[in-house]
Each structure stands twice: as structure tokens, then as C-alpha cells.
Amino acid sequence: MHTTWKGTISFGLVNIPVKMHAATENKDVRLRQLHKECQSPIKYEKVCPVCDRDIEEEEIVKAYEYAKNKFVVLDEEELKALKKEQEDKAVEIVDFVKLEEIDPIYFEKSYYLSPDESGSKAYSLLRAALEETGKIGIAKMMIRSKEQLAVIRIYSNTIVVETIHYPDEVRAVQDVPNVPEQKEVAKKELDTAKMLIDQLTTSFEPEKYTDEYRTSLLQLIEEKKNNEQTVAGKEKAKPDNVTNLMDALQASLDKAKQDKPKTKRKKTTAAQKKVAK
């Protein structure tokens, strides 16, 4: 399993060297966009609209747009220094709370933690302490240049890090339009709704839920592939060096003719004509 982060988790005087691995993966079927006429993949290139040309990676700088079309340019070294300053800090569990106190709206992404080298004993200690107390840890950590608020808990005998949103990242429910106020509902309707919920109540078995759209899409793709309903993207024609050379020579010749100063023809006098005779 690929390691996405490596560092130290600490609580009190206990330090645990750990490796972090993504606990989930995106199973979306990614579709490419082709040019309908020639079936070639569409490219998305970095172009400067003012200079009207493609931009190389080394020509690009990062900036923060603080007002419309006004930016603060941030040097790459400055960003690296800030990032390193945070990464060098051990991830410290600052609080322990109950999991049910955190609404699911705060949860973002899950990662597995595994002990690194000599960290097995301390890892086991934290796991046992979390299991015995039924608590979860709240910590801060740097992941991909962003300081994350995180929950540290147990899942199937493994310590898991759940990144969670900061409060100011969760939009206010008051801003949601057209939410009705609390209204009285008919007792008969409420009893019927509760009865329906009771009938559909069961134990959570994640294995029984599948992405039917993704399954159908993959089946359709496989059928088309088996029936040879496929296309091949055309490659951009490479320039012919011989043709290019001839074009370059012709262009040079034409330019030389244009640049060549014109010689004035001398007028022949009557006396010169007689001598010539």
C-alpha cells in the first residue's frame, strides 16, 4: 500500500512514528473527450492570453487573487519554507472527545496509519487506550500543503486518521434557501412514516450496496470493445524535414530578391548611339 505521508503522532510523552496510507479510492469511470471529426483526444494546454503562446512549466508562478485581476505573487521558496515549518512539527493529539459529538458533515477523507520501524509498541498502546476509553483524538497535521484538522480513531484494529473540515469551511445552514420552518404534521401521516422506517430498518452491511451506474457503464464499454466498436485517435502529422527545408530555402530566396537593391538603368544618349553604330 502506497505511503502518502510519514511522520510522528504524539500524545503526552508518547511519540509514535507512523506511515499514512489512503483508506479509500475513487472508482469513478473516467471518460476522455475526443474531437468528433477525427476521434483524437482533446488537449488542455497552458496558454497566456496576452502573449498568445503556450507557457512552459518554469514560466508559471503562484499567486493569490485578493481582488478582481489583482494578485499577490508568492515565491516558491517562501511556500516551501512555510510547508517545511509545519511538516517538521510532530502531529500532536490536543484533545480527546467522543465520536458521536462530531456531526458527519465535518468528515472529509480517511487514511490508515501503520507503525514505522520501532513504533509498534507505542502504536499498540494508543490503540488500546482509544479502545478502552471509547474516545477519539483531535489533532492537526500537514497534508499536501494544507494544515488539516484530523480525528484519530480505531477501525477494525487499525488506527485511522479522518481529516475533518474546520468550522469556517462548513457553510451556514441558515444560507440554505427554501427550508420550511417547523410545522405541525398530521399524526396519522407521521405514524405511517415511522412504520415505514421501522419496516426498512436493518443492520448496516456495506457490501450489499453497489454503484449500479458504474457497473452498467463498464458493461457497456466492454460490450462495445468486444464488438469492435472502437476508434483510434489520430496523431498529429510530423513535419517533413525535406519539405520544410525546401520551404525554408524558397522563403530565403524570395526574401533575398526583395532585399536586393534595384540597379538603375543608365539612359543612352544620342551621341552614344552614334558611336555604337
Protein backbone atom coordinates (compact mmCIF):
# COMPACT_ATOMS: atom_id res chain seq x y z
CA MET A 1 0.00 0.00 0.00
CA HIS A 2 1.43 3.36 -1.09
CA THR A 3 2.63 5.69 1.70
CA THR A 4 1.12 9.19 1.34
CA TRP A 5 2.66 10.75 4.47
CA LYS A 6 5.30 9.87 7.03
CA GLY A 7 5.73 11.48 10.44
CA THR A 8 5.13 11.24 14.18
CA ILE A 9 1.89 11.18 16.17
CA SER A 10 2.23 12.15 19.82
CA PHE A 11 0.02 12.28 22.88
CA GLY A 12 1.56 13.36 26.17
CA LEU A 13 5.10 11.99 26.25
CA VAL A 14 4.36 9.12 23.86
CA ASN A 15 5.70 9.52 20.29
CA ILE A 16 4.62 7.11 17.56
CA PRO A 17 6.50 7.08 14.22
CA VAL A 18 3.85 6.25 11.61
CA LYS A 19 3.16 5.94 7.90
CA MET A 20 -0.13 7.05 6.40
CA HIS A 21 -1.97 5.27 3.57
CA ALA A 22 -5.15 6.31 1.73
CA ALA A 23 -8.04 4.22 3.09
CA THR A 24 -10.37 4.88 0.17
CA GLU A 25 -10.04 5.15 -3.60
CA ASN A 26 -12.04 6.85 -6.31
CA LYS A 27 -13.74 4.25 -8.53
CA ASP A 28 -15.27 6.73 -10.95
CA VAL A 29 -15.03 5.70 -14.61
CA ARG A 30 -13.06 8.49 -16.24
CA LEU A 31 -14.14 9.36 -19.78
CA ARG A 32 -11.88 11.21 -22.23
CA GLN A 33 -13.09 13.90 -24.63
CA LEU A 34 -12.39 13.31 -28.34
CA HIS A 35 -12.68 15.55 -31.38
CA LYS A 36 -15.82 14.24 -33.09
CA GLU A 37 -14.34 14.77 -36.57
CA CYS A 38 -11.06 12.84 -36.23
CA GLN A 39 -11.54 10.98 -32.89
CA SER A 40 -8.37 12.47 -31.41
CA PRO A 41 -8.07 13.26 -27.67
CA ILE A 42 -8.59 16.93 -26.81
CA LYS A 43 -5.62 18.56 -25.11
CA TYR A 44 -5.83 21.22 -22.42
CA GLU A 45 -2.78 23.40 -22.79
CA LYS A 46 -1.49 26.25 -20.64
CA VAL A 47 -1.68 29.37 -22.82
CA CYS A 48 -1.11 33.02 -21.92
CA PRO A 49 -3.98 35.03 -23.46
CA VAL A 50 -1.88 38.22 -23.58
CA CYS A 51 1.33 36.76 -25.04
CA ASP A 52 -0.78 34.40 -27.20
CA ARG A 53 1.56 31.44 -26.81
CA ASP A 54 2.00 28.18 -24.89
CA ILE A 55 3.60 28.59 -21.46
CA GLU A 56 6.27 26.26 -20.11
CA GLU A 57 6.08 24.99 -16.50
CA GLU A 58 9.12 27.03 -15.42
CA GLU A 59 7.39 30.25 -16.57
CA ILE A 60 4.47 29.80 -14.16
CA VAL A 61 4.34 31.38 -10.69
CA LYS A 62 1.69 31.05 -7.96
CA ALA A 63 -0.36 33.99 -6.76
CA TYR A 64 -3.37 34.85 -4.60
CA GLU A 65 -6.12 36.93 -6.21
CA TYR A 66 -7.17 39.35 -3.43
CA ALA A 67 -9.38 41.45 -5.76
CA LYS A 68 -10.59 41.20 -9.36
CA ASN A 69 -7.45 40.80 -11.51
CA LYS A 70 -5.17 41.91 -8.64
CA PHE A 71 -2.68 39.39 -7.27
CA VAL A 72 -0.06 38.83 -4.59
CA VAL A 73 2.70 36.70 -6.13
CA LEU A 74 4.10 34.04 -3.80
CA ASP A 75 7.63 32.82 -4.33
CA GLU A 76 8.10 29.04 -4.45
CA GLU A 77 10.83 29.21 -1.81
CA GLU A 78 8.52 31.10 0.55
CA LEU A 79 5.83 28.44 0.14
CA LYS A 80 8.35 25.63 0.68
CA ALA A 81 9.64 27.29 3.87
CA LEU A 82 6.11 27.58 5.29
CA LYS A 83 5.33 23.99 4.38
CA LYS A 84 8.56 22.64 5.91
CA GLU A 85 7.98 24.64 9.11
CA GLN A 86 4.67 22.83 9.63
CA GLU A 87 5.83 19.41 8.42
CA ASP A 88 8.73 19.42 10.86
CA LYS A 89 6.28 19.57 13.77
CA ALA A 90 5.10 16.31 15.27
CA VAL A 91 1.37 15.72 14.93
CA GLU A 92 0.14 16.20 18.49
CA ILE A 93 -3.21 14.97 19.73
CA VAL A 94 -4.50 18.03 21.57
CA ASP A 95 -7.90 16.77 22.75
CA PHE A 96 -9.88 13.57 23.25
CA VAL A 97 -13.64 13.61 22.58
CA LYS A 98 -16.49 11.20 21.89
CA LEU A 99 -17.05 10.29 18.23
CA GLU A 100 -20.80 10.92 18.46
CA GLU A 101 -20.10 14.57 19.34
CA ILE A 102 -18.87 15.23 15.79
CA ASP A 103 -21.51 15.58 13.08
CA PRO A 104 -20.71 13.59 9.88
CA ILE A 105 -20.81 16.83 7.85
CA TYR A 106 -17.33 17.59 9.19
CA PHE A 107 -15.70 14.40 7.89
CA GLU A 108 -13.65 14.61 4.70
CA LYS A 109 -11.18 11.78 3.88
CA SER A 110 -9.92 8.62 5.61
CA TYR A 111 -6.35 7.32 5.94
CA TYR A 112 -4.92 4.22 7.58
CA LEU A 113 -1.96 4.59 9.95
CA SER A 114 0.69 1.92 10.29
CA PRO A 115 3.65 1.95 12.72
CA ASP A 116 7.02 2.85 11.23
CA GLU A 117 10.11 0.85 12.25
CA SER A 118 10.21 0.81 16.07
CA GLY A 119 6.76 2.29 16.59
CA SER A 120 4.77 -0.93 17.10
CA LYS A 121 4.73 -0.78 20.91
CA ALA A 122 3.59 2.85 21.10
CA TYR A 123 1.08 2.20 18.29
CA SER A 124 -0.42 -0.70 20.27
CA LEU A 125 -0.55 1.47 23.40
CA LEU A 126 -2.53 4.25 21.68
CA ARG A 127 -4.86 1.73 20.04
CA ALA A 128 -5.61 0.01 23.35
CA ALA A 129 -6.16 3.34 25.13
CA LEU A 130 -8.61 4.52 22.47
CA GLU A 131 -10.48 1.20 22.54
CA GLU A 132 -10.72 1.10 26.36
CA THR A 133 -11.91 4.70 26.73
CA GLY A 134 -14.14 4.80 23.64
CA LYS A 135 -12.63 8.21 22.80
CA ILE A 136 -11.11 9.66 19.64
CA GLY A 137 -8.19 12.09 19.35
CA ILE A 138 -8.29 15.55 17.73
CA ALA A 139 -5.04 16.65 16.06
CA LYS A 140 -3.60 18.98 13.42
CA MET A 141 -1.32 17.83 10.60
CA MET A 142 0.06 18.98 7.24
CA ILE A 143 -1.16 17.00 4.21
CA ARG A 144 -0.38 18.17 0.65
CA SER A 145 0.49 21.73 1.64
CA LYS A 146 -2.63 22.18 3.75
CA GLU A 147 -2.92 22.17 7.53
CA GLN A 148 -5.67 19.67 8.30
CA LEU A 149 -7.78 19.18 11.37
CA ALA A 150 -7.99 15.44 11.96
CA VAL A 151 -9.68 12.78 14.04
CA ILE A 152 -7.65 9.76 15.19
CA ARG A 153 -9.75 6.68 15.94
CA ILE A 154 -9.84 2.88 15.64
CA TYR A 155 -11.32 0.97 12.69
CA SER A 156 -11.01 -2.84 12.53
CA ASN A 157 -7.97 -2.95 14.84
CA THR A 158 -6.20 -0.23 12.82
CA ILE A 159 -5.63 3.39 13.77
CA VAL A 160 -7.35 5.65 11.25
CA VAL A 161 -6.90 9.36 10.56
CA GLU A 162 -10.06 11.13 9.40
CA THR A 163 -9.42 14.62 8.06
CA ILE A 164 -12.26 16.92 9.05
CA HIS A 165 -13.31 20.38 7.95
CA TYR A 166 -12.64 23.47 10.04
CA PRO A 167 -15.84 25.16 11.27
CA ASP A 168 -15.44 28.05 8.81
CA GLU A 169 -15.32 25.54 5.94
CA VAL A 170 -18.83 24.27 6.72
CA ARG A 171 -21.41 26.59 5.21
CA ALA A 172 -24.09 28.01 7.48
CA VAL A 173 -27.39 26.12 7.30
CA GLN A 174 -29.17 29.47 7.54
CA ASP A 175 -27.98 30.18 3.98
CA VAL A 176 -29.82 27.16 2.55
CA PRO A 177 -32.81 28.52 0.57
CA ASN A 178 -36.45 27.44 0.95
CA VAL A 179 -36.04 25.35 4.11
CA PRO A 180 -39.52 25.25 5.77
CA GLU A 181 -39.98 26.23 9.39
CA GLN A 182 -41.03 23.61 11.92
CA LYS A 183 -44.65 22.81 11.15
CA GLU A 184 -47.21 20.56 12.75
CA VAL A 185 -47.68 17.31 10.83
CA ALA A 186 -50.73 15.10 10.93
CA LYS A 187 -50.37 12.31 13.49
CA LYS A 188 -51.67 9.70 11.02
CA GLU A 189 -49.09 10.69 8.40
CA LEU A 190 -46.28 10.69 10.98
CA ASP A 191 -47.28 7.26 12.30
CA THR A 192 -47.30 5.89 8.73
CA ALA A 193 -43.86 7.35 8.03
CA LYS A 194 -42.48 5.87 11.27
CA MET A 195 -43.99 2.50 10.42
CA LEU A 196 -42.29 2.57 7.01
CA ILE A 197 -38.95 3.42 8.64
CA ASP A 198 -39.37 0.50 11.07
CA GLN A 199 -40.07 -1.89 8.18
CA LEU A 200 -36.94 -0.77 6.30
CA THR A 201 -34.68 -0.75 9.38
CA THR A 202 -31.85 -3.30 9.24
CA SER A 203 -28.17 -3.77 10.16
CA PHE A 204 -25.69 -1.82 8.08
CA GLU A 205 -23.98 -4.20 5.62
CA PRO A 206 -21.87 -2.06 3.25
CA GLU A 207 -21.18 -5.00 0.92
CA LYS A 208 -24.78 -5.05 -0.31
CA TYR A 209 -24.62 -1.52 -1.69
CA THR A 210 -23.11 -1.22 -5.18
CA ASP A 211 -22.65 1.54 -7.73
CA GLU A 212 -25.16 0.35 -10.35
CA TYR A 213 -24.39 3.17 -12.79
CA ARG A 214 -20.65 2.40 -12.77
CA THR A 215 -21.33 -1.34 -13.23
CA SER A 216 -23.67 -0.67 -16.18
CA LEU A 217 -21.24 1.80 -17.75
CA LEU A 218 -18.35 -0.67 -17.56
CA GLN A 219 -20.55 -3.38 -19.08
CA LEU A 220 -21.49 -1.07 -21.96
CA ILE A 221 -17.82 -0.22 -22.56
CA GLU A 222 -16.86 -3.92 -22.53
CA GLU A 223 -19.66 -4.80 -24.98
CA LYS A 224 -18.59 -2.07 -27.41
CA LYS A 225 -14.97 -3.19 -27.13
CA ASN A 226 -15.86 -6.84 -27.79
CA ASN A 227 -17.98 -5.84 -30.81
CA GLU A 228 -15.03 -3.82 -32.13
CA GLN A 229 -16.97 -0.58 -31.84
CA THR A 230 -13.76 1.30 -31.15
CA VAL A 231 -11.85 4.19 -32.67
CA ALA A 232 -8.17 5.13 -32.73
CA GLY A 233 -7.05 8.70 -32.15
CA LYS A 234 -5.03 10.21 -34.96
CA GLU A 235 -1.58 11.53 -34.21
CA LYS A 236 -0.58 14.98 -35.31
CA ALA A 237 1.32 14.75 -38.59
CA LYS A 238 5.04 15.22 -38.09
CA PRO A 239 6.60 17.84 -40.35
CA ASP A 240 8.57 16.52 -43.35
CA ASN A 241 12.15 17.73 -42.97
CA VAL A 242 12.74 17.73 -46.73
CA THR A 243 9.60 19.76 -47.39
CA ASN A 244 10.48 22.11 -44.58
CA LEU A 245 13.98 22.57 -45.98
CA MET A 246 12.64 23.38 -49.47
CA ASP A 247 10.13 25.81 -47.97
CA ALA A 248 12.87 27.47 -45.95
CA LEU A 249 15.15 27.76 -48.99
CA GLN A 250 12.35 29.19 -51.13
CA ALA A 251 11.43 31.68 -48.41
CA SER A 252 15.08 32.73 -48.09
CA LEU A 253 15.34 33.15 -51.86
CA ASP A 254 12.17 35.24 -52.02
CA LYS A 255 13.40 37.41 -49.16
CA ALA A 256 16.80 37.89 -50.81
CA LYS A 257 15.10 39.06 -54.02
CA GLN A 258 13.02 41.56 -52.07
CA ASP A 259 16.00 42.89 -50.13
CA LYS A 260 18.30 43.17 -53.16
CA PRO A 261 18.75 46.84 -54.12
CA LYS A 262 17.44 47.64 -57.62
CA THR A 263 20.12 48.93 -60.13
CA LYS A 264 19.11 51.95 -62.14
CA ARG A 265 19.43 51.61 -65.90
CA LYS A 266 21.52 54.37 -67.46
CA LYS A 267 19.90 56.42 -70.16
CA THR A 268 21.61 56.14 -73.58
CA THR A 269 22.38 59.49 -75.16
CA ALA A 270 22.18 60.20 -78.91
CA ALA A 271 25.99 60.54 -79.13
CA GLN A 272 26.46 57.12 -77.52
CA LYS A 273 24.06 55.61 -80.02
CA LYS A 274 26.07 57.02 -82.96
CA VAL A 275 29.31 55.63 -81.54
CA ALA A 276 27.66 52.26 -81.09
CA LYS A 277 26.74 52.27 -84.79
